[in-house]
Amino acid sequence: MDMNADEVALEDTDLGAEVAWDVDRDAGDGSSVPFVEIGKDDLRQSDFIFNTPQFAEDIND
């Protein structure tokens, strides 16, 4: 299953940025990964690669 940029959510937490996704769009628990000591402002579009040209929302160029 391919992941699209609109299925990715980013949030700053006390530990760092948390990247979450919900590919089945059921509004239930999807999956997530914390980037410890890396803030959302430290992430770039090139950190996210999708099958087609897409841009993750709230991410710097």
PDB file of N, CA and C in Angstrom:
ATOM      1  N   MET A   1       0.848  -1.178   0.000  1.00  0.00           N
ATOM      2  CA  MET A   1       0.000   0.000   0.000  1.00  0.00           C
ATOM      3  C   MET A   1       0.889   1.235   0.000  1.00  0.00           C
ATOM      4  N   ASP A   2       0.612   2.159  -0.901  1.00  0.00           N
ATOM      5  CA  ASP A   2       1.361   3.396  -0.976  1.00  0.00           C
ATOM      6  C   ASP A   2       0.861   4.385   0.062  1.00  0.00           C
ATOM      7  N   MET A   3       1.763   5.221   0.547  1.00  0.00           N
ATOM      8  CA  MET A   3       1.409   6.264   1.497  1.00  0.00           C
ATOM      9  C   MET A   3       1.429   7.597   0.760  1.00  0.00           C
ATOM     10  N   ASN A   4       0.455   8.443   1.066  1.00  0.00           N
ATOM     11  CA  ASN A   4       0.362   9.766   0.469  1.00  0.00           C
ATOM     12  C   ASN A   4       0.639  10.836   1.509  1.00  0.00           C
ATOM     13  N   ALA A   5       1.053  12.000   1.038  1.00  0.00           N
ATOM     14  CA  ALA A   5       1.409  13.091   1.933  1.00  0.00           C
ATOM     15  C   ALA A   5       0.240  13.508   2.832  1.00  0.00           C
ATOM     16  N   ASP A   6      -0.991  13.432   2.328  1.00  0.00           N
ATOM     17  CA  ASP A   6      -2.133  13.846   3.146  1.00  0.00           C
ATOM     18  C   ASP A   6      -2.497  12.829   4.232  1.00  0.00           C
ATOM     19  N   GLU A   7      -1.787  11.712   4.285  1.00  0.00           N
ATOM     20  CA  GLU A   7      -1.989  10.709   5.327  1.00  0.00           C
ATOM     21  C   GLU A   7      -0.953  10.826   6.450  1.00  0.00           C
ATOM     22  N   VAL A   8      -0.064  11.818   6.318  1.00  0.00           N
ATOM     23  CA  VAL A   8       1.012  12.015   7.281  1.00  0.00           C
ATOM     24  C   VAL A   8       0.698  13.220   8.158  1.00  0.00           C
ATOM     25  N   ALA A   9       0.896  13.063   9.462  1.00  0.00           N
ATOM     26  CA  ALA A   9       0.702  14.163  10.404  1.00  0.00           C
ATOM     27  C   ALA A   9       1.985  14.329  11.212  1.00  0.00           C
ATOM     28  N   LEU A  10       2.352  15.579  11.471  1.00  0.00           N
ATOM     29  CA  LEU A  10       3.559  15.888  12.232  1.00  0.00           C
ATOM     30  C   LEU A  10       3.194  16.731  13.443  1.00  0.00           C
ATOM     31  N   GLU A  11       3.838  16.439  14.535  1.00  0.00           N
ATOM     32  CA  GLU A  11       3.560  17.168  15.771  1.00  0.00           C
ATOM     33  C   GLU A  11       4.846  17.248  16.591  1.00  0.00           C
ATOM     34  N   ASP A  12       5.107  18.427  17.158  1.00  0.00           N
ATOM     35  CA  ASP A  12       6.221  18.559  18.088  1.00  0.00           C
ATOM     36  C   ASP A  12       5.774  18.062  19.454  1.00  0.00           C
ATOM     37  N   THR A  13       6.610  17.254  20.085  1.00  0.00           N
ATOM     38  CA  THR A  13       6.340  16.762  21.431  1.00  0.00           C
ATOM     39  C   THR A  13       7.511  17.160  22.327  1.00  0.00           C
ATOM     40  N   ASP A  14       7.429  16.836  23.602  1.00  0.00           N
ATOM     41  CA  ASP A  14       8.527  17.131  24.522  1.00  0.00           C
ATOM     42  C   ASP A  14       9.808  16.398  24.146  1.00  0.00           C
ATOM     43  N   LEU A  15       9.682  15.254  23.482  1.00  0.00           N
ATOM     44  CA  LEU A  15      10.852  14.461  23.099  1.00  0.00           C
ATOM     45  C   LEU A  15      11.415  14.839  21.730  1.00  0.00           C
ATOM     46  N   GLY A  16      10.597  15.425  20.879  1.00  0.00           N
ATOM     47  CA  GLY A  16      10.975  15.764  19.515  1.00  0.00           C
ATOM     48  C   GLY A  16       9.770  15.627  18.611  1.00  0.00           C
ATOM     49  N   ALA A  17      10.002  15.616  17.326  1.00  0.00           N
ATOM     50  CA  ALA A  17       8.901  15.506  16.366  1.00  0.00           C
ATOM     51  C   ALA A  17       8.347  14.087  16.353  1.00  0.00           C
ATOM     52  N   GLU A  18       7.032  13.991  16.224  1.00  0.00           N
ATOM     53  CA  GLU A  18       6.390  12.696  16.044  1.00  0.00           C
ATOM     54  C   GLU A  18       5.732  12.704  14.671  1.00  0.00           C
ATOM     55  N   VAL A  19       6.062  11.706  13.865  1.00  0.00           N
ATOM     56  CA  VAL A  19       5.481  11.547  12.540  1.00  0.00           C
ATOM     57  C   VAL A  19       4.484  10.399  12.622  1.00  0.00           C
ATOM     58  N   ALA A  20       3.237  10.681  12.273  1.00  0.00           N
ATOM     59  CA  ALA A  20       2.177   9.675  12.351  1.00  0.00           C
ATOM     60  C   ALA A  20       1.528   9.543  10.983  1.00  0.00           C
ATOM     61  N   TRP A  21       0.939   8.375  10.730  1.00  0.00           N
ATOM     62  CA  TRP A  21       0.246   8.151   9.462  1.00  0.00           C
ATOM     63  C   TRP A  21      -0.926   7.215   9.678  1.00  0.00           C
ATOM     64  N   ASP A  22      -1.926   7.387   8.814  1.00  0.00           N
ATOM     65  CA  ASP A  22      -3.143   6.579   8.869  1.00  0.00           C
ATOM     66  C   ASP A  22      -3.545   6.276   7.439  1.00  0.00           C
ATOM     67  N   VAL A  23      -2.958   5.247   6.850  1.00  0.00           N
ATOM     68  CA  VAL A  23      -3.168   4.971   5.433  1.00  0.00           C
ATOM     69  C   VAL A  23      -4.554   4.442   5.112  1.00  0.00           C
ATOM     70  N   ASP A  24      -5.252   3.857   6.090  1.00  0.00           N
ATOM     71  CA  ASP A  24      -6.605   3.388   5.791  1.00  0.00           C
ATOM     72  C   ASP A  24      -7.659   4.439   6.116  1.00  0.00           C
ATOM     73  N   ARG A  25      -7.224   5.582   6.631  1.00  0.00           N
ATOM     74  CA  ARG A  25      -8.087   6.744   6.892  1.00  0.00           C
ATOM     75  C   ARG A  25      -9.326   6.401   7.709  1.00  0.00           C
ATOM     76  N   ASP A  26      -9.152   5.541   8.705  1.00  0.00           N
ATOM     77  CA  ASP A  26     -10.284   5.168   9.533  1.00  0.00           C
ATOM     78  C   ASP A  26     -10.377   6.001  10.813  1.00  0.00           C
ATOM     79  N   ALA A  27      -9.506   6.994  10.939  1.00  0.00           N
ATOM     80  CA  ALA A  27      -9.464   7.881  12.115  1.00  0.00           C
ATOM     81  C   ALA A  27      -9.143   7.122  13.390  1.00  0.00           C
ATOM     82  N   GLY A  28      -8.743   5.885  13.265  1.00  0.00           N
ATOM     83  CA  GLY A  28      -8.315   5.100  14.412  1.00  0.00           C
ATOM     84  C   GLY A  28      -6.817   5.246  14.588  1.00  0.00           C
ATOM     85  N   ASP A  29      -6.284   4.440  15.458  1.00  0.00           N
ATOM     86  CA  ASP A  29      -4.848   4.472  15.669  1.00  0.00           C
ATOM     87  C   ASP A  29      -4.139   3.973  14.420  1.00  0.00           C
ATOM     88  N   GLY A  30      -3.275   4.798  13.886  1.00  0.00           N
ATOM     89  CA  GLY A  30      -2.436   4.392  12.773  1.00  0.00           C
ATOM     90  C   GLY A  30      -1.097   3.964  13.343  1.00  0.00           C
ATOM     91  N   SER A  31      -0.056   4.458  12.763  1.00  0.00           N
ATOM     92  CA  SER A  31       1.286   4.181  13.260  1.00  0.00           C
ATOM     93  C   SER A  31       2.019   5.496  13.401  1.00  0.00           C
ATOM     94  N   SER A  32       3.056   5.494  14.218  1.00  0.00           N
ATOM     95  CA  SER A  32       3.851   6.705  14.373  1.00  0.00           C
ATOM     96  C   SER A  32       5.267   6.342  14.787  1.00  0.00           C
ATOM     97  N   VAL A  33       6.138   7.305  14.616  1.00  0.00           N
ATOM     98  CA  VAL A  33       7.529   7.143  15.026  1.00  0.00           C
ATOM     99  C   VAL A  33       8.003   8.481  15.600  1.00  0.00           C
ATOM    100  N   PRO A  34       8.660   8.453  16.764  1.00  0.00           N
ATOM    101  CA  PRO A  34       9.207   9.694  17.326  1.00  0.00           C
ATOM    102  C   PRO A  34      10.623   9.942  16.806  1.00  0.00           C
ATOM    103  N   PHE A  35      10.927  11.181  16.552  1.00  0.00           N
ATOM    104  CA  PHE A  35      12.285  11.588  16.213  1.00  0.00           C
ATOM    105  C   PHE A  35      12.839  12.306  17.444  1.00  0.00           C
ATOM    106  N   VAL A  36      13.471  11.559  18.327  1.00  0.00           N
ATOM    107  CA  VAL A  36      13.944  12.084  19.609  1.00  0.00           C
ATOM    108  C   VAL A  36      15.013  13.153  19.373  1.00  0.00           C
ATOM    109  N   GLU A  37      14.784  14.304  20.008  1.00  0.00           N
ATOM    110  CA  GLU A  37      15.671  15.473  19.952  1.00  0.00           C
ATOM    111  C   GLU A  37      15.781  16.082  18.555  1.00  0.00           C
ATOM    112  N   ILE A  38      14.837  15.759  17.666  1.00  0.00           N
ATOM    113  CA  ILE A  38      14.752  16.393  16.354  1.00  0.00           C
ATOM    114  C   ILE A  38      13.385  17.045  16.270  1.00  0.00           C
ATOM    115  N   GLY A  39      13.368  18.364  16.207  1.00  0.00           N
ATOM    116  CA  GLY A  39      12.107  19.090  16.149  1.00  0.00           C
ATOM    117  C   GLY A  39      11.520  19.103  14.753  1.00  0.00           C
ATOM    118  N   LYS A  40      10.251  19.440  14.681  1.00  0.00           N
ATOM    119  CA  LYS A  40       9.552  19.511  13.401  1.00  0.00           C
ATOM    120  C   LYS A  40      10.238  20.505  12.460  1.00  0.00           C
ATOM    121  N   ASP A  41      10.775  21.590  13.001  1.00  0.00           N
ATOM    122  CA  ASP A  41      11.450  22.588  12.181  1.00  0.00           C
ATOM    123  C   ASP A  41      12.751  22.063  11.571  1.00  0.00           C
ATOM    124  N   ASP A  42      13.271  20.971  12.103  1.00  0.00           N
ATOM    125  CA  ASP A  42      14.503  20.381  11.568  1.00  0.00           C
ATOM    126  C   ASP A  42      14.241  19.431  10.402  1.00  0.00           C
ATOM    127  N   LEU A  43      12.997  19.074  10.176  1.00  0.00           N
ATOM    128  CA  LEU A  43      12.645  18.150   9.088  1.00  0.00           C
ATOM    129  C   LEU A  43      12.479  18.922   7.783  1.00  0.00           C
ATOM    130  N   ARG A  44      12.798  18.284   6.677  1.00  0.00           N
ATOM    131  CA  ARG A  44      12.697  18.874   5.349  1.00  0.00           C
ATOM    132  C   ARG A  44      11.856  17.981   4.445  1.00  0.00           C
ATOM    133  N   GLN A  45      11.350  18.549   3.364  1.00  0.00           N
ATOM    134  CA  GLN A  45      10.563  17.769   2.402  1.00  0.00           C
ATOM    135  C   GLN A  45      11.350  16.565   1.902  1.00  0.00           C
ATOM    136  N   SER A  46      12.654  16.707   1.759  1.00  0.00           N
ATOM    137  CA  SER A  46      13.472  15.604   1.245  1.00  0.00           C
ATOM    138  C   SER A  46      13.571  14.441   2.224  1.00  0.00           C
ATOM    139  N   ASP A  47      13.124  14.630   3.473  1.00  0.00           N
ATOM    140  CA  ASP A  47      13.078  13.533   4.443  1.00  0.00           C
ATOM    141  C   ASP A  47      11.894  12.602   4.192  1.00  0.00           C
ATOM    142  N   PHE A  48      10.969  13.036   3.340  1.00  0.00           N
ATOM    143  CA  PHE A  48       9.762  12.273   3.046  1.00  0.00           C
ATOM    144  C   PHE A  48       9.721  11.972   1.554  1.00  0.00           C
ATOM    145  N   ILE A  49       9.694  10.699   1.213  1.00  0.00           N
ATOM    146  CA  ILE A  49       9.701  10.307  -0.192  1.00  0.00           C
ATOM    147  C   ILE A  49       8.412   9.530  -0.481  1.00  0.00           C
ATOM    148  N   PHE A  50       7.666  10.002  -1.470  1.00  0.00           N
ATOM    149  CA  PHE A  50       6.424   9.358  -1.871  1.00  0.00           C
ATOM    150  C   PHE A  50       6.578   8.864  -3.313  1.00  0.00           C
ATOM    151  N   ASN A  51       5.702   7.976  -3.741  1.00  0.00           N
ATOM    152  CA  ASN A  51       5.790   7.416  -5.092  1.00  0.00           C
ATOM    153  C   ASN A  51       5.564   8.448  -6.184  1.00  0.00           C
ATOM    154  N   THR A  52       4.807   9.477  -5.895  1.00  0.00           N
ATOM    155  CA  THR A  52       4.556  10.552  -6.841  1.00  0.00           C
ATOM    156  C   THR A  52       4.965  11.864  -6.181  1.00  0.00           C
ATOM    157  N   PRO A  53       5.219  12.921  -6.946  1.00  0.00           N
ATOM    158  CA  PRO A  53       5.606  14.201  -6.341  1.00  0.00           C
ATOM    159  C   PRO A  53       4.507  14.729  -5.414  1.00  0.00           C
ATOM    160  N   GLN A  54       4.810  14.812  -4.142  1.00  0.00           N
ATOM    161  CA  GLN A  54       3.878  15.307  -3.125  1.00  0.00           C
ATOM    162  C   GLN A  54       4.684  16.026  -2.047  1.00  0.00           C
ATOM    163  N   PHE A  55       4.015  16.866  -1.283  1.00  0.00           N
ATOM    164  CA  PHE A  55       4.675  17.592  -0.218  1.00  0.00           C
ATOM    165  C   PHE A  55       3.916  17.390   1.081  1.00  0.00           C
ATOM    166  N   ALA A  56       4.644  17.033   2.126  1.00  0.00           N
ATOM    167  CA  ALA A  56       4.049  16.873   3.456  1.00  0.00           C
ATOM    168  C   ALA A  56       3.756  18.271   4.027  1.00  0.00           C
ATOM    169  N   GLU A  57       2.574  18.423   4.581  1.00  0.00           N
ATOM    170  CA  GLU A  57       2.144  19.709   5.121  1.00  0.00           C
ATOM    171  C   GLU A  57       2.977  20.080   6.344  1.00  0.00           C
ATOM    172  N   ASP A  58       3.239  21.382   6.516  1.00  0.00           N
ATOM    173  CA  ASP A  58       3.956  21.922   7.679  1.00  0.00           C
ATOM    174  C   ASP A  58       5.435  21.541   7.723  1.00  0.00           C
ATOM    175  N   ILE A  59       6.022  21.209   6.591  1.00  0.00           N
ATOM    176  CA  ILE A  59       7.438  20.853   6.543  1.00  0.00           C
ATOM    177  C   ILE A  59       8.174  21.881   5.699  1.00  0.00           C
ATOM    178  N   ASN A  60       9.358  22.253   6.143  1.00  0.00           N
ATOM    179  CA  ASN A  60      10.185  23.212   5.404  1.00  0.00           C
ATOM    180  C   ASN A  60      10.679  22.619   4.098  1.00  0.00           C
ATOM    181  N   ASP A  61      10.997  23.499   3.160  1.00  0.00           N
ATOM    182  CA  ASP A  61      11.534  23.052   1.855  1.00  0.00           C
ATOM    183  C   ASP A  61      12.947  22.547   2.002  1.00  0.00           C
TER     184      ASP A  61
END
